Amino acid sequence: VKSLHEAGIEVILDVVYNHTAEGNHLGPTLSFKGLDNQRYYRLVDDD
């Protein structure tokens, strides 16, 4: 970042805050799912 700034070039990040790598009910337990599944993910209301 420092080198690009010295050249007058900005750094913009493509960010993915809409989902995570843990996938659906068949996905792995890597972080959020095991910490507090209910409060990190949108779950189906009636199931």
All heavy atoms as atom14 arrays in JSON, in Angstrom:
{
  "sequence": "VKSLHEAGIEVILDVVYNHTAEGNHLGPTLSFKGLDNQRYYRLVDDD",
  "atom14_mask": [
    [1, 1, 1, 1, 1, 1, 1, 0, 0, 0, 0, 0, 0, 0],
    [1, 1, 1, 1, 1, 1, 1, 1, 1, 0, 0, 0, 0, 0],
    [1, 1, 1, 1, 1, 1, 0, 0, 0, 0, 0, 0, 0, 0],
    [1, 1, 1, 1, 1, 1, 1, 1, 0, 0, 0, 0, 0, 0],
    [1, 1, 1, 1, 1, 1, 1, 1, 1, 1, 0, 0, 0, 0],
    [1, 1, 1, 1, 1, 1, 1, 1, 1, 0, 0, 0, 0, 0],
    [1, 1, 1, 1, 1, 0, 0, 0, 0, 0, 0, 0, 0, 0],
    [1, 1, 1, 1, 0, 0, 0, 0, 0, 0, 0, 0, 0, 0],
    [1, 1, 1, 1, 1, 1, 1, 1, 0, 0, 0, 0, 0, 0],
    [1, 1, 1, 1, 1, 1, 1, 1, 1, 0, 0, 0, 0, 0],
    [1, 1, 1, 1, 1, 1, 1, 0, 0, 0, 0, 0, 0, 0],
    [1, 1, 1, 1, 1, 1, 1, 1, 0, 0, 0, 0, 0, 0],
    [1, 1, 1, 1, 1, 1, 1, 1, 0, 0, 0, 0, 0, 0],
    [1, 1, 1, 1, 1, 1, 1, 1, 0, 0, 0, 0, 0, 0],
    [1, 1, 1, 1, 1, 1, 1, 0, 0, 0, 0, 0, 0, 0],
    [1, 1, 1, 1, 1, 1, 1, 0, 0, 0, 0, 0, 0, 0],
    [1, 1, 1, 1, 1, 1, 1, 1, 1, 1, 1, 1, 0, 0],
    [1, 1, 1, 1, 1, 1, 1, 1, 0, 0, 0, 0, 0, 0],
    [1, 1, 1, 1, 1, 1, 1, 1, 1, 1, 0, 0, 0, 0],
    [1, 1, 1, 1, 1, 1, 1, 0, 0, 0, 0, 0, 0, 0],
    [1, 1, 1, 1, 1, 0, 0, 0, 0, 0, 0, 0, 0, 0],
    [1, 1, 1, 1, 1, 1, 1, 1, 1, 0, 0, 0, 0, 0],
    [1, 1, 1, 1, 0, 0, 0, 0, 0, 0, 0, 0, 0, 0],
    [1, 1, 1, 1, 1, 1, 1, 1, 0, 0, 0, 0, 0, 0],
    [1, 1, 1, 1, 1, 1, 1, 1, 1, 1, 0, 0, 0, 0],
    [1, 1, 1, 1, 1, 1, 1, 1, 0, 0, 0, 0, 0, 0],
    [1, 1, 1, 1, 0, 0, 0, 0, 0, 0, 0, 0, 0, 0],
    [1, 1, 1, 1, 1, 1, 1, 0, 0, 0, 0, 0, 0, 0],
    [1, 1, 1, 1, 1, 1, 1, 0, 0, 0, 0, 0, 0, 0],
    [1, 1, 1, 1, 1, 1, 1, 1, 0, 0, 0, 0, 0, 0],
    [1, 1, 1, 1, 1, 1, 0, 0, 0, 0, 0, 0, 0, 0],
    [1, 1, 1, 1, 1, 1, 1, 1, 1, 1, 1, 0, 0, 0],
    [1, 1, 1, 1, 1, 1, 1, 1, 1, 0, 0, 0, 0, 0],
    [1, 1, 1, 1, 0, 0, 0, 0, 0, 0, 0, 0, 0, 0],
    [1, 1, 1, 1, 1, 1, 1, 1, 0, 0, 0, 0, 0, 0],
    [1, 1, 1, 1, 1, 1, 1, 1, 0, 0, 0, 0, 0, 0],
    [1, 1, 1, 1, 1, 1, 1, 1, 0, 0, 0, 0, 0, 0],
    [1, 1, 1, 1, 1, 1, 1, 1, 1, 0, 0, 0, 0, 0],
    [1, 1, 1, 1, 1, 1, 1, 1, 1, 1, 1, 0, 0, 0],
    [1, 1, 1, 1, 1, 1, 1, 1, 1, 1, 1, 1, 0, 0],
    [1, 1, 1, 1, 1, 1, 1, 1, 1, 1, 1, 1, 0, 0],
    [1, 1, 1, 1, 1, 1, 1, 1, 1, 1, 1, 0, 0, 0],
    [1, 1, 1, 1, 1, 1, 1, 1, 0, 0, 0, 0, 0, 0],
    [1, 1, 1, 1, 1, 1, 1, 0, 0, 0, 0, 0, 0, 0],
    [1, 1, 1, 1, 1, 1, 1, 1, 0, 0, 0, 0, 0, 0],
    [1, 1, 1, 1, 1, 1, 1, 1, 0, 0, 0, 0, 0, 0],
    [1, 1, 1, 1, 1, 1, 1, 1, 0, 0, 0, 0, 0, 0]
  ],
  "atom14_positions": [
    [[0.84, -1.2, 0.0], [0.0, 0.0, 0.0], [0.87, 1.25, 0.0], [0.63, 2.21, -0.75], [-0.95, -0.01, 1.21], [-1.69, 1.32, 1.32], [-1.95, -1.16, 1.11], [0.0, 0.0, 0.0], [0.0, 0.0, 0.0], [0.0, 0.0, 0.0], [0.0, 0.0, 0.0], [0.0, 0.0, 0.0], [0.0, 0.0, 0.0], [0.0, 0.0, 0.0]],
    [[1.9, 1.24, 0.83], [2.79, 2.4, 0.93], [3.46, 2.68, -0.42], [3.54, 3.85, -0.85], [3.84, 2.13, 2.01], [4.75, 3.32, 2.31], [5.71, 2.99, 3.44], [6.66, 4.14, 3.73], [7.62, 3.8, 4.81], [0.0, 0.0, 0.0], [0.0, 0.0, 0.0], [0.0, 0.0, 0.0], [0.0, 0.0, 0.0], [0.0, 0.0, 0.0]],
    [[3.92, 1.66, -1.1], [4.57, 1.84, -2.4], [3.61, 2.38, -3.45], [3.96, 3.26, -4.24], [5.17, 0.51, -2.88], [6.19, 0.07, -2.01], [0.0, 0.0, 0.0], [0.0, 0.0, 0.0], [0.0, 0.0, 0.0], [0.0, 0.0, 0.0], [0.0, 0.0, 0.0], [0.0, 0.0, 0.0], [0.0, 0.0, 0.0], [0.0, 0.0, 0.0]],
    [[2.39, 1.85, -3.48], [1.41, 2.33, -4.45], [1.01, 3.77, -4.14], [0.84, 4.58, -5.06], [0.19, 1.41, -4.46], [0.44, 0.02, -5.07], [-0.71, -0.93, -4.78], [0.66, 0.12, -6.58], [0.0, 0.0, 0.0], [0.0, 0.0, 0.0], [0.0, 0.0, 0.0], [0.0, 0.0, 0.0], [0.0, 0.0, 0.0], [0.0, 0.0, 0.0]],
    [[0.87, 4.1, -2.87], [0.55, 5.48, -2.5], [1.65, 6.44, -2.95], [1.36, 7.56, -3.39], [0.35, 5.58, -0.99], [-1.0, 5.12, -0.54], [-1.4, 5.16, 0.77], [-2.05, 4.61, -1.22], [-2.63, 4.69, 0.88], [-3.04, 4.34, -0.32], [0.0, 0.0, 0.0], [0.0, 0.0, 0.0], [0.0, 0.0, 0.0], [0.0, 0.0, 0.0]],
    [[2.9, 6.03, -2.82], [4.0, 6.89, -3.26], [3.9, 7.2, -4.75], [4.36, 8.26, -5.2], [5.34, 6.21, -2.95], [5.69, 6.2, -1.47], [6.93, 5.36, -1.17], [7.45, 4.71, -2.11], [7.37, 5.35, 0.0], [0.0, 0.0, 0.0], [0.0, 0.0, 0.0], [0.0, 0.0, 0.0], [0.0, 0.0, 0.0], [0.0, 0.0, 0.0]],
    [[3.3, 6.29, -5.51], [3.1, 6.51, -6.95], [1.78, 7.2, -7.25], [1.43, 7.37, -8.42], [3.17, 5.17, -7.67], [0.0, 0.0, 0.0], [0.0, 0.0, 0.0], [0.0, 0.0, 0.0], [0.0, 0.0, 0.0], [0.0, 0.0, 0.0], [0.0, 0.0, 0.0], [0.0, 0.0, 0.0], [0.0, 0.0, 0.0], [0.0, 0.0, 0.0]],
    [[1.04, 7.57, -6.22], [-0.25, 8.24, -6.42], [-1.38, 7.29, -6.77], [-2.41, 7.73, -7.3], [0.0, 0.0, 0.0], [0.0, 0.0, 0.0], [0.0, 0.0, 0.0], [0.0, 0.0, 0.0], [0.0, 0.0, 0.0], [0.0, 0.0, 0.0], [0.0, 0.0, 0.0], [0.0, 0.0, 0.0], [0.0, 0.0, 0.0], [0.0, 0.0, 0.0]],
    [[-1.2, 6.0, -6.48], [-2.21, 5.0, -6.83], [-2.93, 4.56, -5.57], [-2.31, 4.14, -4.59], [-1.56, 3.79, -7.52], [-0.91, 4.24, -8.83], [-2.59, 2.7, -7.79], [-0.09, 3.15, -9.52], [0.0, 0.0, 0.0], [0.0, 0.0, 0.0], [0.0, 0.0, 0.0], [0.0, 0.0, 0.0], [0.0, 0.0, 0.0], [0.0, 0.0, 0.0]],
    [[-4.26, 4.63, -5.58], [-5.07, 4.19, -4.46], [-5.26, 2.68, -4.48], [-5.13, 2.04, -5.53], [-6.44, 4.88, -4.49], [-6.38, 6.38, -4.3], [-7.77, 7.01, -4.29], [-8.51, 6.83, -5.27], [-8.12, 7.68, -3.29], [0.0, 0.0, 0.0], [0.0, 0.0, 0.0], [0.0, 0.0, 0.0], [0.0, 0.0, 0.0], [0.0, 0.0, 0.0]],
    [[-5.59, 2.13, -3.31], [-5.86, 0.7, -3.18], [-7.29, 0.52, -2.69], [-7.66, 0.97, -1.61], [-4.88, 0.04, -2.19], [-5.22, -1.44, -2.02], [-3.44, 0.2, -2.66], [0.0, 0.0, 0.0], [0.0, 0.0, 0.0], [0.0, 0.0, 0.0], [0.0, 0.0, 0.0], [0.0, 0.0, 0.0], [0.0, 0.0, 0.0], [0.0, 0.0, 0.0]],
    [[-8.11, -0.12, -3.52], [-9.51, -0.42, -3.21], [-9.63, -1.94, -3.08], [-9.12, -2.68, -3.92], [-10.45, 0.13, -4.3], [-10.33, 1.65, -4.39], [-11.9, -0.28, -4.04], [-11.04, 2.25, -5.59], [0.0, 0.0, 0.0], [0.0, 0.0, 0.0], [0.0, 0.0, 0.0], [0.0, 0.0, 0.0], [0.0, 0.0, 0.0], [0.0, 0.0, 0.0]],
    [[-10.31, -2.4, -2.04], [-10.46, -3.83, -1.82], [-11.85, -4.3, -2.2], [-12.86, -3.68, -1.83], [-10.22, -4.18, -0.34], [-8.87, -3.81, 0.26], [-8.75, -4.4, 1.66], [-7.71, -4.29, -0.61], [0.0, 0.0, 0.0], [0.0, 0.0, 0.0], [0.0, 0.0, 0.0], [0.0, 0.0, 0.0], [0.0, 0.0, 0.0], [0.0, 0.0, 0.0]],
    [[-11.91, -5.39, -2.93], [-13.16, -6.08, -3.21], [-13.47, -6.95, -1.99], [-12.73, -7.89, -1.7], [-12.99, -6.94, -4.46], [-14.3, -7.49, -5.0], [-15.28, -7.54, -4.24], [-14.33, -7.88, -6.19], [0.0, 0.0, 0.0], [0.0, 0.0, 0.0], [0.0, 0.0, 0.0], [0.0, 0.0, 0.0], [0.0, 0.0, 0.0], [0.0, 0.0, 0.0]],
    [[-14.52, -6.61, -1.26], [-14.79, -7.26, 0.03], [-16.11, -8.03, -0.02], [-17.05, -7.65, -0.71], [-14.81, -6.25, 1.18], [-13.39, -5.72, 1.43], [-15.76, -5.09, 0.92], [0.0, 0.0, 0.0], [0.0, 0.0, 0.0], [0.0, 0.0, 0.0], [0.0, 0.0, 0.0], [0.0, 0.0, 0.0], [0.0, 0.0, 0.0], [0.0, 0.0, 0.0]],
    [[-16.14, -9.13, 0.75], [-17.26, -10.08, 0.69], [-17.85, -10.21, 2.09], [-17.54, -11.14, 2.83], [-16.79, -11.45, 0.18], [-17.98, -12.36, -0.12], [-15.91, -11.3, -1.06], [0.0, 0.0, 0.0], [0.0, 0.0, 0.0], [0.0, 0.0, 0.0], [0.0, 0.0, 0.0], [0.0, 0.0, 0.0], [0.0, 0.0, 0.0], [0.0, 0.0, 0.0]],
    [[-18.69, -9.26, 2.47], [-19.31, -9.28, 3.79], [-20.71, -9.88, 3.78], [-21.44, -9.76, 4.75], [-19.39, -7.86, 4.36], [-18.05, -7.25, 4.7], [-17.54, -6.19, 3.96], [-17.3, -7.72, 5.76], [-16.32, -5.61, 4.28], [-16.07, -7.16, 6.08], [-15.59, -6.1, 5.34], [-14.37, -5.54, 5.66], [0.0, 0.0, 0.0], [0.0, 0.0, 0.0]],
    [[-21.09, -10.48, 2.68], [-22.46, -11.0, 2.59], [-22.57, -12.47, 3.02], [-23.64, -12.92, 3.37], [-23.0, -10.82, 1.17], [-22.04, -11.35, 0.12], [-21.84, -12.56, 0.0], [-21.43, -10.46, -0.65], [0.0, 0.0, 0.0], [0.0, 0.0, 0.0], [0.0, 0.0, 0.0], [0.0, 0.0, 0.0], [0.0, 0.0, 0.0], [0.0, 0.0, 0.0]],
    [[-21.46, -13.22, 2.98], [-21.49, -14.62, 3.38], [-20.09, -15.03, 3.83], [-19.15, -14.24, 3.73], [-21.95, -15.52, 2.22], [-20.92, -15.67, 1.13], [-20.72, -14.72, 0.16], [-20.01, -16.65, 0.88], [-19.75, -15.11, -0.65], [-19.3, -16.29, -0.23], [0.0, 0.0, 0.0], [0.0, 0.0, 0.0], [0.0, 0.0, 0.0], [0.0, 0.0, 0.0]],
    [[-19.95, -16.26, 4.31], [-18.64, -16.77, 4.7], [-18.39, -18.13, 4.04], [-19.29, -18.7, 3.4], [-18.52, -16.95, 6.22], [-19.21, -18.15, 6.61], [-19.09, -15.77, 6.98], [0.0, 0.0, 0.0], [0.0, 0.0, 0.0], [0.0, 0.0, 0.0], [0.0, 0.0, 0.0], [0.0, 0.0, 0.0], [0.0, 0.0, 0.0], [0.0, 0.0, 0.0]],
    [[-17.2, -18.66, 4.27], [-16.8, -19.93, 3.67], [-17.41, -21.14, 4.35], [-17.17, -22.27, 3.92], [-15.27, -20.04, 3.7], [0.0, 0.0, 0.0], [0.0, 0.0, 0.0], [0.0, 0.0, 0.0], [0.0, 0.0, 0.0], [0.0, 0.0, 0.0], [0.0, 0.0, 0.0], [0.0, 0.0, 0.0], [0.0, 0.0, 0.0], [0.0, 0.0, 0.0]],
    [[-18.22, -20.94, 5.41], [-18.77, -22.09, 6.12], [-19.98, -22.71, 5.42], [-20.42, -23.8, 5.82], [-19.13, -21.69, 7.55], [-17.9, -21.4, 8.41], [-18.24, -21.12, 9.85], [-18.96, -20.13, 10.12], [-17.8, -21.88, 10.72], [0.0, 0.0, 0.0], [0.0, 0.0, 0.0], [0.0, 0.0, 0.0], [0.0, 0.0, 0.0], [0.0, 0.0, 0.0]],
    [[-20.51, -22.04, 4.42], [-21.57, -22.64, 3.62], [-22.85, -22.9, 4.4], [-23.13, -22.28, 5.43], [0.0, 0.0, 0.0], [0.0, 0.0, 0.0], [0.0, 0.0, 0.0], [0.0, 0.0, 0.0], [0.0, 0.0, 0.0], [0.0, 0.0, 0.0], [0.0, 0.0, 0.0], [0.0, 0.0, 0.0], [0.0, 0.0, 0.0], [0.0, 0.0, 0.0]],
    [[-23.64, -23.85, 3.91], [-24.95, -24.15, 4.51], [-24.81, -25.26, 5.56], [-23.74, -25.48, 6.12], [-25.96, -24.51, 3.42], [-25.51, -25.72, 2.6], [-24.66, -26.5, 3.02], [-26.1, -25.87, 1.43], [0.0, 0.0, 0.0], [0.0, 0.0, 0.0], [0.0, 0.0, 0.0], [0.0, 0.0, 0.0], [0.0, 0.0, 0.0], [0.0, 0.0, 0.0]],
    [[-25.9, -25.98, 5.82], [-25.9, -27.01, 6.86], [-24.95, -28.17, 6.55], [-24.62, -28.96, 7.43], [-27.33, -27.53, 7.08], [-27.91, -28.22, 5.88], [-28.32, -27.53, 4.76], [-28.14, -29.54, 5.62], [-28.78, -28.4, 3.86], [-28.68, -29.61, 4.36], [0.0, 0.0, 0.0], [0.0, 0.0, 0.0], [0.0, 0.0, 0.0], [0.0, 0.0, 0.0]],
    [[-24.54, -28.26, 5.29], [-23.59, -29.31, 4.91], [-22.14, -28.82, 4.92], [-21.23, -29.58, 4.63], [-23.93, -29.86, 3.52], [-25.32, -30.5, 3.38], [-25.56, -30.93, 1.95], [-25.45, -31.69, 4.33], [0.0, 0.0, 0.0], [0.0, 0.0, 0.0], [0.0, 0.0, 0.0], [0.0, 0.0, 0.0], [0.0, 0.0, 0.0], [0.0, 0.0, 0.0]],
    [[-21.94, -27.55, 5.25], [-20.61, -26.96, 5.23], [-19.83, -27.24, 6.49], [-20.34, -27.81, 7.47], [0.0, 0.0, 0.0], [0.0, 0.0, 0.0], [0.0, 0.0, 0.0], [0.0, 0.0, 0.0], [0.0, 0.0, 0.0], [0.0, 0.0, 0.0], [0.0, 0.0, 0.0], [0.0, 0.0, 0.0], [0.0, 0.0, 0.0], [0.0, 0.0, 0.0]],
    [[-18.54, -26.85, 6.52], [-17.67, -27.13, 7.66], [-17.95, -26.18, 8.82], [-18.65, -25.17, 8.68], [-16.28, -26.88, 7.07], [-16.51, -25.81, 6.05], [-17.85, -26.13, 5.43], [0.0, 0.0, 0.0], [0.0, 0.0, 0.0], [0.0, 0.0, 0.0], [0.0, 0.0, 0.0], [0.0, 0.0, 0.0], [0.0, 0.0, 0.0], [0.0, 0.0, 0.0]],
    [[-17.4, -26.51, 9.97], [-17.43, -25.64, 11.14], [-16.03, -25.09, 11.34], [-15.13, -25.8, 11.8], [-17.88, -26.42, 12.39], [-19.21, -26.93, 12.16], [-17.89, -25.53, 13.62], [0.0, 0.0, 0.0], [0.0, 0.0, 0.0], [0.0, 0.0, 0.0], [0.0, 0.0, 0.0], [0.0, 0.0, 0.0], [0.0, 0.0, 0.0], [0.0, 0.0, 0.0]],
    [[-15.85, -23.82, 10.96], [-14.52, -23.22, 10.94], [-14.38, -22.06, 11.91], [-13.3, -21.8, 12.41], [-14.19, -22.72, 9.53], [-14.36, -23.73, 8.39], [-14.08, -23.06, 7.05], [-13.46, -24.93, 8.59], [0.0, 0.0, 0.0], [0.0, 0.0, 0.0], [0.0, 0.0, 0.0], [0.0, 0.0, 0.0], [0.0, 0.0, 0.0], [0.0, 0.0, 0.0]],
    [[-15.5, -21.33, 12.16], [-15.4, -20.14, 13.01], [-16.77, -19.73, 13.52], [-17.2, -20.15, 14.59], [-14.75, -18.99, 12.21], [-14.62, -17.84, 13.0], [0.0, 0.0, 0.0], [0.0, 0.0, 0.0], [0.0, 0.0, 0.0], [0.0, 0.0, 0.0], [0.0, 0.0, 0.0], [0.0, 0.0, 0.0], [0.0, 0.0, 0.0], [0.0, 0.0, 0.0]],
    [[-17.48, -18.93, 12.74], [-18.75, -18.32, 13.17], [-19.79, -19.37, 13.54], [-20.53, -19.21, 14.5], [-19.3, -17.43, 12.05], [-18.3, -16.45, 11.51], [-17.53, -16.76, 10.41], [-18.14, -15.21, 12.1], [-16.6, -15.86, 9.92], [-17.22, -14.3, 11.62], [-16.44, -14.63, 10.51], [0.0, 0.0, 0.0], [0.0, 0.0, 0.0], [0.0, 0.0, 0.0]],
    [[-19.85, -20.43, 12.76], [-20.86, -21.47, 12.97], [-20.7, -22.11, 14.35], [-21.68, -22.4, 15.04], [-20.74, -22.52, 11.87], [-21.86, -23.53, 11.82], [-21.67, -24.52, 10.67], [-21.98, -23.89, 9.33], [-21.95, -24.89, 8.22], [0.0, 0.0, 0.0], [0.0, 0.0, 0.0], [0.0, 0.0, 0.0], [0.0, 0.0, 0.0], [0.0, 0.0, 0.0]],
    [[-19.46, -22.32, 14.78], [-19.21, -22.92, 16.08], [-19.21, -21.94, 17.23], [-19.38, -22.34, 18.38], [0.0, 0.0, 0.0], [0.0, 0.0, 0.0], [0.0, 0.0, 0.0], [0.0, 0.0, 0.0], [0.0, 0.0, 0.0], [0.0, 0.0, 0.0], [0.0, 0.0, 0.0], [0.0, 0.0, 0.0], [0.0, 0.0, 0.0], [0.0, 0.0, 0.0]],
    [[-19.03, -20.65, 16.91], [-19.04, -19.63, 17.96], [-20.46, -19.29, 18.39], [-20.8, -19.32, 19.57], [-18.33, -18.36, 17.47], [-16.81, -18.38, 17.51], [-16.25, -17.24, 16.68], [-16.32, -18.27, 18.96], [0.0, 0.0, 0.0], [0.0, 0.0, 0.0], [0.0, 0.0, 0.0], [0.0, 0.0, 0.0], [0.0, 0.0, 0.0], [0.0, 0.0, 0.0]],
    [[-21.29, -18.92, 17.4], [-22.68, -18.55, 17.71], [-23.47, -18.51, 16.41], [-23.71, -17.45, 15.83], [-22.74, -17.2, 18.42], [-24.04, -17.01, 19.19], [-25.08, -17.51, 18.71], [-24.02, -16.38, 20.25], [0.0, 0.0, 0.0], [0.0, 0.0, 0.0], [0.0, 0.0, 0.0], [0.0, 0.0, 0.0], [0.0, 0.0, 0.0], [0.0, 0.0, 0.0]],
    [[-23.87, -19.69, 15.96], [-24.51, -19.85, 14.66], [-25.73, -18.95, 14.5], [-25.94, -18.32, 13.46], [-24.91, -21.33, 14.51], [-25.42, -21.66, 13.13], [-24.73, -21.46, 12.14], [-26.63, -22.19, 13.06], [0.0, 0.0, 0.0], [0.0, 0.0, 0.0], [0.0, 0.0, 0.0], [0.0, 0.0, 0.0], [0.0, 0.0, 0.0], [0.0, 0.0, 0.0]],
    [[-26.55, -18.87, 15.55], [-27.8, -18.12, 15.48], [-27.59, -16.63, 15.26], [-28.44, -15.96, 14.66], [-28.6, -18.29, 16.78], [-29.53, -19.47, 16.81], [-30.45, -19.39, 18.02], [-30.12, -18.77, 19.03], [-31.6, -20.02, 17.92], [0.0, 0.0, 0.0], [0.0, 0.0, 0.0], [0.0, 0.0, 0.0], [0.0, 0.0, 0.0], [0.0, 0.0, 0.0]],
    [[-26.5, -16.08, 15.8], [-26.32, -14.63, 15.79], [-25.41, -14.14, 14.68], [-25.21, -12.95, 14.53], [-25.86, -14.16, 17.16], [-27.0, -14.24, 18.16], [-26.57, -14.17, 19.6], [-27.75, -14.38, 20.47], [-28.21, -15.57, 20.83], [-27.61, -16.66, 20.42], [-29.28, -15.66, 21.6], [0.0, 0.0, 0.0], [0.0, 0.0, 0.0], [0.0, 0.0, 0.0]],
    [[-24.86, -15.07, 13.92], [-24.04, -14.67, 12.77], [-24.75, -14.91, 11.44], [-24.49, -14.18, 10.47], [-22.71, -15.41, 12.78], [-21.66, -14.78, 13.67], [-21.18, -15.44, 14.8], [-21.16, -13.51, 13.4], [-20.21, -14.86, 15.62], [-20.2, -12.92, 14.21], [-19.73, -13.59, 15.32], [-18.79, -13.01, 16.12], [0.0, 0.0, 0.0], [0.0, 0.0, 0.0]],
    [[-25.64, -15.9, 11.36], [-26.23, -16.27, 10.08], [-27.74, -16.1, 10.06], [-28.41, -16.22, 11.09], [-25.89, -17.73, 9.75], [-24.42, -17.97, 9.51], [-23.68, -18.8, 10.35], [-23.76, -17.37, 8.43], [-22.33, -19.02, 10.14], [-22.41, -17.59, 8.21], [-21.7, -18.41, 9.07], [-20.36, -18.62, 8.85], [0.0, 0.0, 0.0], [0.0, 0.0, 0.0]],
    [[-28.26, -15.87, 8.85], [-29.71, -15.85, 8.65], [-30.18, -17.3, 8.52], [-29.84, -17.98, 7.54], [-30.08, -15.07, 7.38], [-29.91, -13.57, 7.47], [-30.46, -12.88, 6.23], [-31.9, -13.02, 6.16], [-32.63, -12.74, 5.08], [-32.03, -12.37, 3.97], [-33.93, -12.87, 5.1], [0.0, 0.0, 0.0], [0.0, 0.0, 0.0], [0.0, 0.0, 0.0]],
    [[-30.96, -17.74, 9.47], [-31.49, -19.1, 9.45], [-32.94, -19.08, 8.99], [-33.63, -18.06, 9.12], [-31.38, -19.73, 10.84], [-29.98, -19.71, 11.47], [-30.02, -20.34, 12.86], [-28.96, -20.4, 10.58], [0.0, 0.0, 0.0], [0.0, 0.0, 0.0], [0.0, 0.0, 0.0], [0.0, 0.0, 0.0], [0.0, 0.0, 0.0], [0.0, 0.0, 0.0]],
    [[-33.4, -20.18, 8.46], [-34.79, -20.28, 8.02], [-35.69, -20.21, 9.26], [-35.48, -20.95, 10.25], [-35.03, -21.58, 7.24], [-36.51, -21.76, 6.91], [-34.18, -21.59, 5.97], [0.0, 0.0, 0.0], [0.0, 0.0, 0.0], [0.0, 0.0, 0.0], [0.0, 0.0, 0.0], [0.0, 0.0, 0.0], [0.0, 0.0, 0.0], [0.0, 0.0, 0.0]],
    [[-36.69, -19.33, 9.24], [-37.49, -19.05, 10.44], [-38.13, -20.29, 11.03], [-38.06, -20.53, 12.24], [-38.57, -18.01, 10.12], [-37.98, -16.63, 9.87], [-36.86, -16.38, 10.36], [-38.61, -15.83, 9.17], [0.0, 0.0, 0.0], [0.0, 0.0, 0.0], [0.0, 0.0, 0.0], [0.0, 0.0, 0.0], [0.0, 0.0, 0.0], [0.0, 0.0, 0.0]],
    [[-38.78, -21.1, 10.19], [-39.53, -22.23, 10.73], [-38.71, -23.52, 10.8], [-39.21, -24.55, 11.24], [-40.82, -22.46, 9.93], [-40.53, -22.66, 8.45], [-39.35, -22.58, 8.05], [-41.49, -22.89, 7.69], [0.0, 0.0, 0.0], [0.0, 0.0, 0.0], [0.0, 0.0, 0.0], [0.0, 0.0, 0.0], [0.0, 0.0, 0.0], [0.0, 0.0, 0.0]],
    [[-37.45, -23.45, 10.37], [-36.57, -24.62, 10.48], [-35.12, -24.15, 10.51], [-34.43, -24.16, 9.49], [-36.8, -25.58, 9.32], [-36.14, -26.95, 9.58], [-35.35, -27.05, 10.54], [-36.42, -27.9, 8.82], [0.0, 0.0, 0.0], [0.0, 0.0, 0.0], [0.0, 0.0, 0.0], [0.0, 0.0, 0.0], [0.0, 0.0, 0.0], [0.0, 0.0, 0.0]]
  ]
}
